[in-house]
PDB file of N, CA and C in Angstrom:
ATOM      1  N   MET A   1     -36.445 -21.040  25.564  1.00  0.00           N
ATOM      2  CA  MET A   1     -35.488 -20.219  24.859  1.00  0.00           C
ATOM      3  C   MET A   1     -34.834 -21.073  23.767  1.00  0.00           C
ATOM      4  N   ARG A   2     -34.761 -20.528  22.576  1.00  0.00           N
ATOM      5  CA  ARG A   2     -34.147 -21.238  21.466  1.00  0.00           C
ATOM      6  C   ARG A   2     -32.721 -20.761  21.269  1.00  0.00           C
ATOM      7  N   LEU A   3     -31.827 -21.694  21.057  1.00  0.00           N
ATOM      8  CA  LEU A   3     -30.447 -21.328  20.769  1.00  0.00           C
ATOM      9  C   LEU A   3     -30.275 -21.174  19.264  1.00  0.00           C
ATOM     10  N   ALA A   4     -29.531 -20.162  18.891  1.00  0.00           N
ATOM     11  CA  ALA A   4     -29.266 -19.963  17.463  1.00  0.00           C
ATOM     12  C   ALA A   4     -28.315 -21.048  16.988  1.00  0.00           C
ATOM     13  N   THR A   5     -28.617 -21.595  15.851  1.00  0.00           N
ATOM     14  CA  THR A   5     -27.732 -22.615  15.296  1.00  0.00           C
ATOM     15  C   THR A   5     -26.774 -21.944  14.325  1.00  0.00           C
ATOM     16  N   LEU A   6     -25.593 -22.455  14.278  1.00  0.00           N
ATOM     17  CA  LEU A   6     -24.566 -21.916  13.395  1.00  0.00           C
ATOM     18  C   LEU A   6     -24.429 -22.844  12.201  1.00  0.00           C
ATOM     19  N   HIS A   7     -24.797 -22.330  11.079  1.00  0.00           N
ATOM     20  CA  HIS A   7     -24.660 -23.096   9.856  1.00  0.00           C
ATOM     21  C   HIS A   7     -23.398 -22.575   9.172  1.00  0.00           C
ATOM     22  N   LEU A   8     -22.345 -23.394   9.124  1.00  0.00           N
ATOM     23  CA  LEU A   8     -21.040 -22.939   8.655  1.00  0.00           C
ATOM     24  C   LEU A   8     -21.073 -22.449   7.210  1.00  0.00           C
ATOM     25  N   GLU A   9     -21.818 -23.100   6.377  1.00  0.00           N
ATOM     26  CA  GLU A   9     -21.868 -22.671   4.976  1.00  0.00           C
ATOM     27  C   GLU A   9     -22.475 -21.278   4.861  1.00  0.00           C
ATOM     28  N   THR A  10     -23.527 -21.037   5.613  1.00  0.00           N
ATOM     29  CA  THR A  10     -24.156 -19.720   5.605  1.00  0.00           C
ATOM     30  C   THR A  10     -23.233 -18.678   6.223  1.00  0.00           C
ATOM     31  N   ALA A  11     -22.569 -19.040   7.296  1.00  0.00           N
ATOM     32  CA  ALA A  11     -21.675 -18.104   7.965  1.00  0.00           C
ATOM     33  C   ALA A  11     -20.495 -17.743   7.072  1.00  0.00           C
ATOM     34  N   GLU A  12     -19.972 -18.712   6.347  1.00  0.00           N
ATOM     35  CA  GLU A  12     -18.784 -18.467   5.543  1.00  0.00           C
ATOM     36  C   GLU A  12     -19.104 -17.827   4.198  1.00  0.00           C
ATOM     37  N   PHE A  13     -20.249 -18.147   3.635  1.00  0.00           N
ATOM     38  CA  PHE A  13     -20.548 -17.667   2.289  1.00  0.00           C
ATOM     39  C   PHE A  13     -21.798 -16.784   2.238  1.00  0.00           C
ATOM     40  N   GLY A  14     -22.278 -16.368   3.380  1.00  0.00           N
ATOM     41  CA  GLY A  14     -23.479 -15.540   3.416  1.00  0.00           C
ATOM     42  C   GLY A  14     -23.190 -14.097   3.026  1.00  0.00           C
ATOM     43  N   ASP A  15     -24.261 -13.352   2.839  1.00  0.00           N
ATOM     44  CA  ASP A  15     -24.148 -11.956   2.421  1.00  0.00           C
ATOM     45  C   ASP A  15     -23.398 -11.102   3.430  1.00  0.00           C
ATOM     46  N   VAL A  16     -23.665 -11.326   4.708  1.00  0.00           N
ATOM     47  CA  VAL A  16     -23.003 -10.526   5.752  1.00  0.00           C
ATOM     48  C   VAL A  16     -21.504 -10.801   5.752  1.00  0.00           C
ATOM     49  N   TYR A  17     -21.143 -12.068   5.631  1.00  0.00           N
ATOM     50  CA  TYR A  17     -19.720 -12.439   5.604  1.00  0.00           C
ATOM     51  C   TYR A  17     -19.034 -11.802   4.400  1.00  0.00           C
ATOM     52  N   ARG A  18     -19.667 -11.918   3.231  1.00  0.00           N
ATOM     53  CA  ARG A  18     -19.063 -11.360   2.022  1.00  0.00           C
ATOM     54  C   ARG A  18     -18.933  -9.845   2.108  1.00  0.00           C
ATOM     55  N   ALA A  19     -19.930  -9.181   2.665  1.00  0.00           N
ATOM     56  CA  ALA A  19     -19.875  -7.726   2.807  1.00  0.00           C
ATOM     57  C   ALA A  19     -18.750  -7.323   3.762  1.00  0.00           C
ATOM     58  N   ALA A  20     -18.628  -8.028   4.881  1.00  0.00           N
ATOM     59  CA  ALA A  20     -17.566  -7.725   5.839  1.00  0.00           C
ATOM     60  C   ALA A  20     -16.198  -7.994   5.236  1.00  0.00           C
ATOM     61  N   ARG A  21     -16.080  -9.081   4.512  1.00  0.00           N
ATOM     62  CA  ARG A  21     -14.809  -9.430   3.866  1.00  0.00           C
ATOM     63  C   ARG A  21     -14.431  -8.387   2.818  1.00  0.00           C
ATOM     64  N   LEU A  22     -15.411  -7.895   2.080  1.00  0.00           N
ATOM     65  CA  LEU A  22     -15.169  -6.860   1.083  1.00  0.00           C
ATOM     66  C   LEU A  22     -14.661  -5.573   1.731  1.00  0.00           C
ATOM     67  N   VAL A  23     -15.236  -5.213   2.862  1.00  0.00           N
ATOM     68  CA  VAL A  23     -14.778  -4.020   3.585  1.00  0.00           C
ATOM     69  C   VAL A  23     -13.319  -4.192   4.014  1.00  0.00           C
ATOM     70  N   LEU A  24     -12.990  -5.352   4.552  1.00  0.00           N
ATOM     71  CA  LEU A  24     -11.615  -5.600   4.983  1.00  0.00           C
ATOM     72  C   LEU A  24     -10.647  -5.580   3.800  1.00  0.00           C
ATOM     73  N   LEU A  25     -11.042  -6.177   2.694  1.00  0.00           N
ATOM     74  CA  LEU A  25     -10.173  -6.183   1.513  1.00  0.00           C
ATOM     75  C   LEU A  25      -9.973  -4.773   0.966  1.00  0.00           C
ATOM     76  N   ARG A  26     -11.025  -3.971   0.959  1.00  0.00           N
ATOM     77  CA  ARG A  26     -10.899  -2.576   0.513  1.00  0.00           C
ATOM     78  C   ARG A  26      -9.918  -1.815   1.397  1.00  0.00           C
ATOM     79  N   GLN A  27     -10.032  -2.009   2.697  1.00  0.00           N
ATOM     80  CA  GLN A  27      -9.120  -1.332   3.625  1.00  0.00           C
ATOM     81  C   GLN A  27      -7.681  -1.758   3.373  1.00  0.00           C
ATOM     82  N   GLN A  28      -7.466  -3.039   3.142  1.00  0.00           N
ATOM     83  CA  GLN A  28      -6.119  -3.539   2.877  1.00  0.00           C
ATOM     84  C   GLN A  28      -5.566  -2.961   1.582  1.00  0.00           C
ATOM     85  N   VAL A  29      -6.397  -2.874   0.555  1.00  0.00           N
ATOM     86  CA  VAL A  29      -5.954  -2.312  -0.726  1.00  0.00           C
ATOM     87  C   VAL A  29      -5.594  -0.837  -0.550  1.00  0.00           C
ATOM     88  N   LEU A  30      -6.438  -0.089   0.137  1.00  0.00           N
ATOM     89  CA  LEU A  30      -6.152   1.334   0.355  1.00  0.00           C
ATOM     90  C   LEU A  30      -4.867   1.526   1.152  1.00  0.00           C
ATOM     91  N   LEU A  31      -4.656   0.712   2.159  1.00  0.00           N
ATOM     92  CA  LEU A  31      -3.437   0.797   2.950  1.00  0.00           C
ATOM     93  C   LEU A  31      -2.222   0.477   2.080  1.00  0.00           C
ATOM     94  N   HIS A  32      -2.347  -0.531   1.236  1.00  0.00           N
ATOM     95  CA  HIS A  32      -1.251  -0.901   0.340  1.00  0.00           C
ATOM     96  C   HIS A  32      -0.944   0.239  -0.635  1.00  0.00           C
ATOM     97  N   ILE A  33      -1.987   0.868  -1.157  1.00  0.00           N
ATOM     98  CA  ILE A  33      -1.791   1.995  -2.079  1.00  0.00           C
ATOM     99  C   ILE A  33      -1.087   3.144  -1.370  1.00  0.00           C
ATOM    100  N   LYS A  34      -1.498   3.444  -0.145  1.00  0.00           N
ATOM    101  CA  LYS A  34      -0.863   4.532   0.608  1.00  0.00           C
ATOM    102  C   LYS A  34       0.605   4.226   0.865  1.00  0.00           C
ATOM    103  N   ARG A  35       0.908   2.983   1.251  1.00  0.00           N
ATOM    104  CA  ARG A  35       2.301   2.599   1.508  1.00  0.00           C
ATOM    105  C   ARG A  35       3.129   2.666   0.225  1.00  0.00           C
ATOM    106  N   THR A  36       2.544   2.208  -0.884  1.00  0.00           N
ATOM    107  CA  THR A  36       3.239   2.239  -2.164  1.00  0.00           C
ATOM    108  C   THR A  36       3.503   3.673  -2.582  1.00  0.00           C
ATOM    109  N   ASP A  37       2.520   4.546  -2.392  1.00  0.00           N
ATOM    110  CA  ASP A  37       2.675   5.952  -2.745  1.00  0.00           C
ATOM    111  C   ASP A  37       3.768   6.598  -1.905  1.00  0.00           C
ATOM    112  N   ALA A  38       3.791   6.304  -0.607  1.00  0.00           N
ATOM    113  CA  ALA A  38       4.826   6.858   0.273  1.00  0.00           C
ATOM    114  C   ALA A  38       6.207   6.361  -0.156  1.00  0.00           C
ATOM    115  N   SER A  39       6.305   5.093  -0.508  1.00  0.00           N
ATOM    116  CA  SER A  39       7.586   4.544  -0.958  1.00  0.00           C
ATOM    117  C   SER A  39       8.014   5.184  -2.271  1.00  0.00           C
ATOM    118  N   ALA A  40       7.075   5.391  -3.169  1.00  0.00           N
ATOM    119  CA  ALA A  40       7.392   6.017  -4.458  1.00  0.00           C
ATOM    120  C   ALA A  40       7.878   7.447  -4.256  1.00  0.00           C
ATOM    121  N   GLN A  41       7.281   8.157  -3.332  1.00  0.00           N
ATOM    122  CA  GLN A  41       7.723   9.524  -3.042  1.00  0.00           C
ATOM    123  C   GLN A  41       9.145   9.529  -2.503  1.00  0.00           C
ATOM    124  N   LYS A  42       9.471   8.574  -1.646  1.00  0.00           N
ATOM    125  CA  LYS A  42      10.833   8.480  -1.126  1.00  0.00           C
ATOM    126  C   LYS A  42      11.824   8.188  -2.243  1.00  0.00           C
ATOM    127  N   VAL A  43      11.448   7.299  -3.144  1.00  0.00           N
ATOM    128  CA  VAL A  43      12.323   6.974  -4.270  1.00  0.00           C
ATOM    129  C   VAL A  43      12.548   8.215  -5.119  1.00  0.00           C
ATOM    130  N   GLU A  44      11.496   8.963  -5.378  1.00  0.00           N
ATOM    131  CA  GLU A  44      11.623  10.189  -6.171  1.00  0.00           C
ATOM    132  C   GLU A  44      12.547  11.193  -5.482  1.00  0.00           C
ATOM    133  N   GLN A  45      12.436  11.308  -4.163  1.00  0.00           N
ATOM    134  CA  GLN A  45      13.307  12.226  -3.417  1.00  0.00           C
ATOM    135  C   GLN A  45      14.769  11.794  -3.527  1.00  0.00           C
ATOM    136  N   TYR A  46      15.019  10.511  -3.373  1.00  0.00           N
ATOM    137  CA  TYR A  46      16.398  10.024  -3.454  1.00  0.00           C
ATOM    138  C   TYR A  46      16.957  10.141  -4.874  1.00  0.00           C
ATOM    139  N   LEU A  47      16.117   9.953  -5.872  1.00  0.00           N
ATOM    140  CA  LEU A  47      16.572  10.131  -7.246  1.00  0.00           C
ATOM    141  C   LEU A  47      16.932  11.589  -7.508  1.00  0.00           C
ATOM    142  N   ALA A  48      16.151  12.516  -6.963  1.00  0.00           N
ATOM    143  CA  ALA A  48      16.457  13.942  -7.110  1.00  0.00           C
ATOM    144  C   ALA A  48      17.776  14.274  -6.416  1.00  0.00           C
ATOM    145  N   MET A  49      17.987  13.702  -5.229  1.00  0.00           N
ATOM    146  CA  MET A  49      19.253  13.931  -4.510  1.00  0.00           C
ATOM    147  C   MET A  49      20.426  13.358  -5.303  1.00  0.00           C
ATOM    148  N   LEU A  50      20.241  12.195  -5.895  1.00  0.00           N
ATOM    149  CA  LEU A  50      21.288  11.570  -6.697  1.00  0.00           C
ATOM    150  C   LEU A  50      21.599  12.410  -7.930  1.00  0.00           C
ATOM    151  N   ALA A  51      20.577  12.939  -8.569  1.00  0.00           N
ATOM    152  CA  ALA A  51      20.779  13.783  -9.738  1.00  0.00           C
ATOM    153  C   ALA A  51      21.563  15.042  -9.368  1.00  0.00           C
ATOM    154  N   GLU A  52      21.247  15.635  -8.218  1.00  0.00           N
ATOM    155  CA  GLU A  52      21.985  16.814  -7.754  1.00  0.00           C
ATOM    156  C   GLU A  52      23.442  16.464  -7.473  1.00  0.00           C
ATOM    157  N   ALA A  53      23.663  15.330  -6.833  1.00  0.00           N
ATOM    158  CA  ALA A  53      25.031  14.919  -6.518  1.00  0.00           C
ATOM    159  C   ALA A  53      25.812  14.635  -7.804  1.00  0.00           C
ATOM    160  N   ASN A  54      25.171  14.007  -8.769  1.00  0.00           N
ATOM    161  CA  ASN A  54      25.836  13.733 -10.045  1.00  0.00           C
ATOM    162  C   ASN A  54      26.172  15.032 -10.779  1.00  0.00           C
ATOM    163  N   ALA A  55      25.252  15.986 -10.740  1.00  0.00           N
ATOM    164  CA  ALA A  55      25.498  17.270 -11.396  1.00  0.00           C
ATOM    165  C   ALA A  55      26.681  17.972 -10.729  1.00  0.00           C
ATOM    166  N   LEU A  56      26.751  17.933  -9.415  1.00  0.00           N
ATOM    167  CA  LEU A  56      27.856  18.551  -8.696  1.00  0.00           C
ATOM    168  C   LEU A  56      29.173  17.858  -9.036  1.00  0.00           C
ATOM    169  N   THR A  57      29.156  16.548  -9.081  1.00  0.00           N
ATOM    170  CA  THR A  57      30.356  15.772  -9.422  1.00  0.00           C
ATOM    171  C   THR A  57      30.817  16.101 -10.846  1.00  0.00           C
ATOM    172  N   ASP A  58      29.885  16.223 -11.765  1.00  0.00           N
ATOM    173  CA  ASP A  58      30.224  16.570 -13.147  1.00  0.00           C
ATOM    174  C   ASP A  58      30.839  17.957 -13.237  1.00  0.00           C
ATOM    175  N   ARG A  59      30.290  18.914 -12.489  1.00  0.00           N
ATOM    176  CA  ARG A  59      30.857  20.283 -12.483  1.00  0.00           C
ATOM    177  C   ARG A  59      32.256  20.303 -11.901  1.00  0.00           C
ATOM    178  N   LEU A  60      32.451  19.546 -10.833  1.00  0.00           N
ATOM    179  CA  LEU A  60      33.787  19.490 -10.222  1.00  0.00           C
ATOM    180  C   LEU A  60      34.792  18.818 -11.164  1.00  0.00           C
ATOM    181  N   ALA A  61      34.368  17.800 -11.869  1.00  0.00           N
ATOM    182  CA  ALA A  61      35.260  17.094 -12.775  1.00  0.00           C
ATOM    183  C   ALA A  61      35.665  17.978 -13.943  1.00  0.00           C
ATOM    184  N   ARG A  62      34.783  18.830 -14.398  1.00  0.00           N
ATOM    185  CA  ARG A  62      35.098  19.747 -15.521  1.00  0.00           C
ATOM    186  C   ARG A  62      36.137  20.792 -15.125  1.00  0.00           C
ATOM    187  N   HIS A  63      36.155  21.181 -13.873  1.00  0.00           N
ATOM    188  CA  HIS A  63      37.059  22.225 -13.411  1.00  0.00           C
ATOM    189  C   HIS A  63      38.442  21.688 -13.080  1.00  0.00           C
ATOM    190  N   GLN A  64      38.630  20.417 -13.115  1.00  0.00           N
ATOM    191  CA  GLN A  64      39.942  19.858 -12.774  1.00  0.00           C
ATOM    192  C   GLN A  64      40.774  19.605 -13.988  1.00  0.00           C
TER     193      GLN A  64
END
C-alpha cells in the first residue's frame, strides 16, 4: 500500500486549493454585501423617521 505524500506547495497553490478559496471568498463577499444592504436599509428607515420628526417639529414651531 502506498501512502499519499503531501506536497505543501501543491496543496497551497494547486488548482483545487485556489478553486476552494475562490468559493469561500465569493461567499464572504456576498455575505458582506447582504449585511451592507441590510444596514443601508436601516439607515434609510431612520433617516425617513428623522425627516418626519423634523417636519412635525417645524409645524409645531410655526403654530407657536
